[in-house]
Protein backbone atom coordinates (compact mmCIF):
# COMPACT_ATOMS: atom_id res chain seq x y z
CA MET A 1 -19.81 46.99 -12.75
CA SER A 2 -16.17 47.98 -12.76
CA ASP A 3 -13.64 45.26 -13.53
CA SER A 4 -11.80 46.23 -10.36
CA THR A 5 -14.87 45.65 -8.17
CA THR A 6 -14.79 42.64 -5.87
CA LEU A 7 -17.43 40.12 -6.91
CA ARG A 8 -19.67 38.67 -4.23
CA VAL A 9 -20.24 35.01 -5.41
CA GLY A 10 -22.58 32.43 -3.84
CA LEU A 11 -21.01 29.03 -4.77
CA ASP A 12 -22.76 25.76 -4.12
CA LEU A 13 -20.16 23.19 -3.22
CA ASP A 14 -22.46 20.23 -3.98
CA GLY A 15 -21.38 19.41 -7.56
CA SER A 16 -19.59 19.23 -9.92
CA LEU A 17 -20.30 15.64 -10.42
CA GLU A 18 -17.71 14.32 -12.80
CA SER A 19 -15.16 11.47 -12.84
CA LEU A 20 -12.81 12.71 -10.06
CA ASP A 21 -15.20 13.12 -7.30
CA ASN A 22 -16.46 16.56 -6.35
CA THR A 23 -14.09 19.38 -7.32
CA MET A 24 -16.10 22.46 -6.45
CA THR A 25 -13.94 23.03 -3.42
CA ASP A 26 -10.82 23.13 -5.70
CA LEU A 27 -12.64 25.88 -7.72
CA ALA A 28 -13.74 27.71 -4.59
CA ASP A 29 -10.11 27.81 -3.31
CA ALA A 30 -8.79 28.94 -6.66
CA LEU A 31 -11.56 31.70 -6.94
CA SER A 32 -10.52 32.96 -3.55
CA ALA A 33 -6.89 32.96 -4.59
CA THR A 34 -7.73 35.45 -7.44
CA GLY A 35 -8.36 38.16 -4.90
CA GLU A 36 -11.34 39.20 -7.18
CA CYS A 37 -14.09 37.28 -5.39
CA GLN A 38 -15.68 37.37 -1.96
CA LEU A 39 -17.19 33.89 -1.70
CA VAL A 40 -20.25 32.77 0.16
CA ARG A 41 -19.84 29.04 0.22
CA PHE A 42 -22.86 26.82 0.83
CA ARG A 43 -24.34 23.37 0.12
CA THR A 44 -27.82 22.73 -1.29
CA VAL A 45 -27.78 18.96 -0.58
CA SER A 46 -25.44 18.12 2.25
CA ALA A 47 -24.72 19.72 5.60
CA PRO A 48 -21.91 22.29 5.98
CA ARG A 49 -18.45 20.78 6.54
CA SER A 50 -16.49 23.75 7.78
CA ASP A 51 -16.86 27.14 9.47
CA GLN A 52 -16.34 28.72 6.03
CA GLU A 53 -19.66 27.34 4.71
CA ARG A 54 -22.96 29.10 5.14
CA THR A 55 -25.85 27.09 6.61
CA LEU A 56 -29.01 27.05 4.51
CA SER A 57 -31.96 26.81 6.80
CA PHE A 58 -34.49 24.11 5.90
CA HIS A 59 -32.56 23.30 2.66
CA GLN A 60 -33.72 19.65 2.89
CA LEU A 61 -37.34 20.93 2.95
CA TRP A 62 -36.83 22.96 -0.31
CA MET A 63 -34.55 20.57 -2.05
CA PRO A 64 -37.30 18.63 -3.92
CA PHE A 65 -38.69 21.89 -5.29
CA TRP A 66 -35.19 23.26 -6.12
CA ARG A 67 -34.50 20.09 -8.05
CA ARG A 68 -37.33 21.35 -10.38
CA SER A 69 -36.22 24.93 -10.37
CA LEU A 70 -39.20 25.76 -8.17
CA GLY A 71 -39.66 26.97 -4.61
CA PRO A 72 -38.28 29.99 -2.73
CA SER A 73 -35.50 32.11 -4.17
CA ILE A 74 -32.13 31.05 -2.78
CA ASP A 75 -30.67 34.54 -2.79
CA THR A 76 -33.17 35.41 -0.03
CA LYS A 77 -31.52 32.86 2.23
CA LEU A 78 -27.90 33.98 1.67
CA PRO A 79 -25.99 37.16 2.47
CA PRO A 80 -26.04 39.78 -0.31
CA VAL A 81 -24.20 38.45 -3.41
CA ASP A 82 -23.87 39.46 -7.06
CA VAL A 83 -24.23 36.12 -8.61
CA ILE A 84 -24.97 32.52 -7.63
CA HIS A 85 -23.22 29.58 -9.24
CA VAL A 86 -24.45 25.95 -8.86
CA ALA A 87 -23.12 22.76 -10.48
CA GLY A 88 -25.10 19.86 -9.14
CA LEU A 89 -28.65 18.61 -9.69
CA VAL A 90 -30.14 21.41 -7.56
CA THR A 91 -31.07 24.63 -9.53
CA PRO A 92 -32.97 26.89 -7.12
CA PRO A 93 -34.63 30.04 -8.37
CA THR A 94 -33.14 33.44 -7.70
CA LYS A 95 -35.05 36.69 -7.42
CA HIS A 96 -32.48 39.63 -7.32
CA VAL A 97 -29.32 38.19 -8.81
CA PRO A 98 -28.32 36.00 -11.89
CA LEU A 99 -27.97 32.27 -11.61
CA ILE A 100 -25.15 30.30 -13.33
CA ILE A 101 -25.66 26.49 -13.76
CA SER A 102 -22.76 24.35 -14.78
CA VAL A 103 -24.01 21.28 -16.56
CA ASP A 104 -21.11 18.81 -16.22
CA ASP A 105 -22.97 15.56 -16.31
CA LEU A 106 -24.93 14.80 -19.50
CA ARG A 107 -26.25 11.40 -18.32
CA PRO A 108 -29.66 12.82 -17.16
CA LEU A 109 -30.17 14.31 -20.60
CA ARG A 110 -29.44 11.23 -22.54
CA GLY A 111 -31.99 8.59 -23.69
CA GLU A 112 -34.91 10.40 -21.99
CA SER A 113 -38.01 12.00 -23.23
CA SER A 114 -38.76 15.68 -23.11
CA GLU A 115 -40.81 14.95 -19.97
CA HIS A 116 -37.72 14.08 -17.99
CA GLN A 117 -37.24 16.10 -14.86
CA ARG A 118 -33.69 17.35 -15.54
CA ILE A 119 -34.67 18.61 -18.98
CA LYS A 120 -37.75 20.41 -17.75
CA GLN A 121 -35.68 21.74 -14.75
CA LEU A 122 -33.01 23.42 -16.96
CA GLN A 123 -35.52 24.74 -19.44
CA ARG A 124 -37.46 26.33 -16.67
CA ALA A 125 -34.28 27.84 -15.31
CA VAL A 126 -33.16 29.22 -18.67
CA GLY A 127 -36.67 30.66 -19.09
CA ARG A 128 -36.10 32.71 -15.93
CA GLY A 129 -32.72 33.98 -17.21
CA ALA A 130 -30.27 31.39 -15.84
CA VAL A 131 -27.03 30.96 -17.78
CA LEU A 132 -26.01 27.39 -18.67
CA VAL A 133 -22.31 26.47 -18.69
CA ALA A 134 -21.11 23.38 -20.56
CA SER A 135 -17.73 21.80 -19.92
CA SER A 136 -16.68 21.52 -23.65
CA ARG A 137 -17.89 22.51 -27.09
CA ALA A 138 -19.05 19.01 -27.76
CA ALA A 139 -21.01 18.95 -24.58
CA SER A 140 -22.51 22.37 -25.37
CA HIS A 141 -23.81 21.05 -28.66
CA GLU A 142 -25.53 18.13 -26.91
CA VAL A 143 -27.14 20.36 -24.30
CA GLN A 144 -28.22 22.73 -27.04
CA ASP A 145 -29.87 20.02 -29.02
CA VAL A 146 -31.57 18.30 -26.11
CA LEU A 147 -33.00 21.46 -24.58
CA GLY A 148 -33.82 23.23 -27.78
CA LEU A 149 -31.67 26.20 -27.00
CA GLN A 150 -29.68 28.72 -29.19
CA ARG A 151 -25.91 28.50 -29.22
CA SER A 152 -25.80 31.91 -27.54
CA GLU A 153 -27.63 30.62 -24.55
CA ILE A 154 -24.80 28.28 -23.53
CA VAL A 155 -21.30 29.22 -22.37
CA VAL A 156 -18.29 26.85 -22.40
CA VAL A 157 -16.01 26.84 -19.30
CA PRO A 158 -14.25 23.65 -18.28
CA PRO A 159 -14.48 22.71 -14.62
CA ALA A 160 -11.49 22.82 -12.26
CA VAL A 161 -9.21 19.78 -12.42
CA PRO A 162 -6.92 19.61 -9.32
CA THR A 163 -3.20 19.42 -9.92
CA VAL A 164 -1.84 16.02 -9.03
CA ALA A 165 1.62 15.42 -7.75
CA ALA A 166 3.99 13.92 -10.40
CA THR A 167 3.95 10.07 -10.39
CA GLU A 168 7.30 8.32 -10.22
CA HIS A 169 7.94 4.64 -10.61
CA GLY A 170 4.25 3.67 -10.91
CA ARG A 171 3.65 0.00 -11.56
CA ASP A 172 -0.27 -0.16 -11.77
CA LEU A 173 -2.68 -0.08 -14.67
CA VAL A 174 -5.30 2.20 -13.31
CA VAL A 175 -8.72 2.09 -15.10
CA ASN A 176 -11.31 4.76 -14.54
CA ILE A 177 -14.80 3.42 -15.29
CA THR A 178 -17.52 5.95 -15.97
CA GLY A 179 -20.74 4.54 -17.41
CA LEU A 180 -19.03 1.60 -19.22
CA ASP A 181 -19.05 -1.23 -16.60
CA ASP A 182 -20.14 -3.82 -19.20
CA ARG A 183 -17.32 -2.79 -21.49
CA PHE A 184 -14.80 -3.05 -18.62
CA LEU A 185 -16.02 -6.51 -17.72
CA ALA A 186 -15.51 -7.62 -21.30
CA LEU A 187 -11.92 -6.14 -21.33
CA ALA A 188 -11.00 -7.27 -17.75
CA PRO A 189 -9.76 -10.75 -18.57
CA ALA A 190 -7.35 -9.43 -21.23
CA LEU A 191 -6.26 -6.55 -18.90
CA VAL A 192 -5.60 -9.06 -16.01
CA GLN A 193 -3.51 -11.26 -18.37
CA PHE A 194 -1.54 -8.19 -19.44
CA VAL A 195 -0.70 -6.88 -15.99
CA GLN A 196 0.24 -10.48 -14.83
CA ARG A 197 2.76 -10.71 -17.64
CA GLU A 198 4.15 -7.36 -16.58
CA GLN A 199 4.03 -8.35 -12.91
CA ALA A 200 1.96 -5.40 -12.15
CA HIS A 201 -1.55 -4.79 -10.66
CA LEU A 202 -4.92 -3.91 -12.17
CA VAL A 203 -6.77 -1.13 -10.27
CA ALA A 204 -10.27 0.05 -11.06
CA VAL A 205 -11.63 3.45 -9.92
CA THR A 206 -15.43 3.30 -10.00
CA SER A 207 -18.69 3.57 -8.06
CA THR A 208 -19.72 1.15 -5.30
CA ALA A 209 -22.28 -0.54 -7.41
CA VAL A 210 -19.89 -1.27 -10.36
CA GLY A 211 -17.25 -2.34 -7.86
CA GLN A 212 -19.65 -4.97 -6.52
CA ARG A 213 -20.18 -6.33 -10.05
CA ILE A 214 -16.42 -6.55 -10.62
CA ARG A 215 -15.88 -8.22 -7.22
CA ALA A 216 -18.45 -10.87 -8.08
CA THR A 217 -16.35 -11.98 -11.12
CA GLY A 218 -13.56 -13.07 -8.85
CA LEU A 219 -10.97 -11.31 -11.06
CA PRO A 220 -7.85 -9.97 -9.27
CA VAL A 221 -8.82 -6.35 -9.58
CA THR A 222 -8.14 -3.77 -6.77
CA LEU A 223 -11.28 -1.61 -6.43
CA LEU A 224 -11.11 1.98 -5.34
CA GLY A 225 -13.78 4.68 -5.04
CA ARG A 226 -13.61 8.07 -6.81
CA LYS A 227 -12.31 9.73 -3.62
CA GLU A 228 -9.27 7.56 -3.95
CA ALA A 229 -8.59 8.41 -7.58
CA ARG A 230 -5.70 10.82 -6.83
CA ALA A 231 -4.05 8.24 -4.64
CA ALA A 232 -4.38 5.68 -7.38
CA LEU A 233 -2.72 7.93 -9.90
CA ALA A 234 0.28 8.13 -7.55
CA ARG A 235 0.92 4.41 -8.33
CA ALA A 236 -0.07 4.32 -11.98
CA ARG A 237 2.22 3.48 -14.86
CA VAL A 238 -0.66 3.79 -17.40
CA ALA A 239 -4.10 5.18 -16.93
CA LEU A 240 -7.12 3.88 -18.98
CA HIS A 241 -10.18 6.20 -19.07
CA LEU A 242 -13.22 4.17 -19.92
CA SER A 243 -15.96 6.73 -20.32
CA ASP A 244 -19.23 7.07 -22.27
CA GLY A 245 -18.50 10.69 -22.79
CA ALA A 246 -21.28 12.05 -20.58
CA ARG A 247 -18.92 13.71 -18.14
CA PHE A 248 -15.86 15.86 -18.41
CA PRO A 249 -12.73 13.69 -18.42
CA SER A 250 -11.31 14.99 -15.19
CA PHE A 251 -9.65 11.72 -14.29
CA ALA A 252 -7.85 11.63 -17.64
CA ILE A 253 -6.67 15.21 -17.36
CA ALA A 254 -5.52 14.54 -13.81
CA ALA A 255 -3.52 11.63 -15.01
CA LEU A 256 -1.93 13.85 -17.67
CA SER A 257 -1.09 16.29 -14.95
CA ALA A 258 0.66 13.64 -12.99
CA GLY A 259 2.71 12.54 -15.97
CA VAL A 260 0.93 9.26 -16.36
CA PRO A 261 0.60 8.17 -20.06
CA THR A 262 -3.19 7.85 -20.74
CA ILE A 263 -5.39 5.87 -23.05
CA ALA A 264 -8.96 7.07 -23.57
CA LEU A 265 -11.92 6.18 -25.71
CA ALA A 266 -12.29 8.43 -28.70
CA THR A 267 -15.61 10.02 -27.74
CA ASP A 268 -16.40 13.50 -29.11
CA ILE A 269 -15.51 15.07 -25.77
CA ASN A 270 -12.16 13.11 -25.45
CA ARG A 271 -11.19 13.99 -28.99
CA GLU A 272 -11.75 17.69 -28.30
CA LEU A 273 -9.98 17.81 -24.98
CA LEU A 274 -7.47 14.97 -24.98
CA GLY A 275 -6.48 14.65 -28.62
CA GLY A 276 -2.71 14.94 -29.06
CA ALA A 277 -2.05 14.40 -25.39
CA ALA A 278 -3.64 10.91 -24.75
CA ALA A 279 -3.82 7.93 -26.93
CA LEU A 280 -7.34 7.69 -28.24
CA ALA A 281 -8.86 4.28 -29.05
CA PHE A 282 -11.98 3.67 -31.16
CA ASP A 283 -12.65 0.08 -29.95
CA ASP A 284 -11.49 -2.48 -27.43
CA ASP A 285 -9.03 -4.08 -29.91
CA GLU A 286 -7.28 -0.68 -30.32
CA VAL A 287 -7.03 -0.42 -26.50
CA MET A 288 -5.26 -3.76 -26.28
CA THR A 289 -3.02 -2.87 -29.24
CA MET A 290 -2.04 0.51 -27.68
CA LEU A 291 -1.53 -0.72 -24.17
CA PRO A 292 1.72 -2.60 -24.62
CA ILE A 293 3.21 0.28 -26.55
CA VAL A 294 2.18 2.88 -24.06
CA TRP A 295 3.42 0.61 -21.21
CA SER A 296 6.83 -0.27 -22.55
CA SER A 297 8.01 2.20 -25.22
CA GLU A 298 10.12 4.78 -23.33
CA ALA A 299 10.15 7.00 -26.39
CA ARG A 300 6.38 7.08 -26.69
CA ARG A 301 5.96 7.45 -22.96
CA SER A 302 8.34 10.44 -22.92
CA ILE A 303 6.40 12.23 -25.69
CA MET A 304 3.08 11.46 -23.98
CA VAL A 305 4.20 12.73 -20.56
CA SER A 306 5.45 16.03 -22.04
CA ALA A 307 2.24 16.60 -24.13
CA GLY A 308 0.02 15.56 -21.21
CA ARG A 309 1.56 17.97 -18.64
CA SER A 310 1.37 20.76 -21.27
CA ARG A 311 -2.33 20.13 -21.98
CA SER A 312 -3.25 19.78 -18.31
CA ILE A 313 -2.27 23.39 -17.53
CA ASP A 314 -5.31 24.59 -19.40
CA PHE A 315 -7.53 22.88 -16.91
CA GLU A 316 -5.78 23.70 -13.58
CA PRO A 317 -8.06 25.29 -10.92
CA ALA A 318 -6.42 28.63 -11.41
CA SER A 319 -7.30 28.58 -15.17
CA ALA A 320 -10.89 27.58 -14.40
CA ALA A 321 -11.11 30.33 -11.78
CA ASP A 322 -9.93 32.96 -14.17
CA ALA A 323 -12.54 31.89 -16.80
CA TYR A 324 -15.26 31.84 -14.22
CA VAL A 325 -14.39 35.34 -12.87
CA THR A 326 -14.68 36.63 -16.45
CA LEU A 327 -18.01 34.88 -16.85
CA TYR A 328 -19.32 36.16 -13.49
CA ARG A 329 -18.45 39.71 -14.46
CA ASN A 330 -20.06 39.48 -17.88
CA VAL A 331 -23.21 37.95 -16.44
CA VAL A 332 -23.54 40.41 -13.65
CA ARG A 333 -22.90 43.32 -16.16
CA GLY A 334 -25.60 42.03 -18.46
CA TRP A 335 -28.07 41.54 -15.57
CA HIS A 336 -27.88 45.24 -14.58
CA GLN A 337 -28.10 46.62 -18.10
């Protein structure tokens, strides 16, 4: 395939399931903006939400099979495309074109036996020629070990992180909780005391289930869903990213993009992606030691804002789209050789 040829890409908008809600629409828009892709947008799980999205007939019927990489080939249900890209938990087989699977959520691969559905699903897909995409080098090593794959069988491309408007005069401590609700509940009393001293507010961005646990404590915490994360950052003075490292740190990178000084736990993924831009803490004591400095030191904040904005450029939708266009071309070229 010539590099100048327009790629026909089937893109599943149901994914990518990381800590800033679903950002596949951001990637789709950025891919269209490159002028190098003709997109066929579809959803494997939910119903279409706009006229731009293709309806998949009987997708609810086939979804249980597609979650096991079984069932009918999805390319027979779409207009002609050169490659299909999915990023959620549905990995339907293809017959005539290559399949790319972004594995942005490692939780289903952790603490499970080799009989777990997700592991078998991805192994089956790779066995038929699917290309797996990890969101970082650290994540690729974990996927490689769990699935028993060779390094050459996994590609690293970060997902798209939407650009967030610059935050000015924020007064909230905004905590993103991803898989560490017990740890937040242990930290919450100290965080509440801190914001009360600063005459500020504590905001938690999390799932509905975790929000219910926090509400039951009676602590003065404002609870927001992931769809409200971008609005929360508009009012943040400091962001705290509490994550078990199973997902790409989109929330933290969005905070950096907005110029919000950010503290994150020093997981392997965070050290790789956020090191030098966010303050990384190895334990809760370090979090509480860093917080007053990041909150109050204008010199430290200025350095972090500059470094954060510079780092976030690498993860903007346009950067992700360019990387995926290159991957699509390489995969399609290899498929036809």
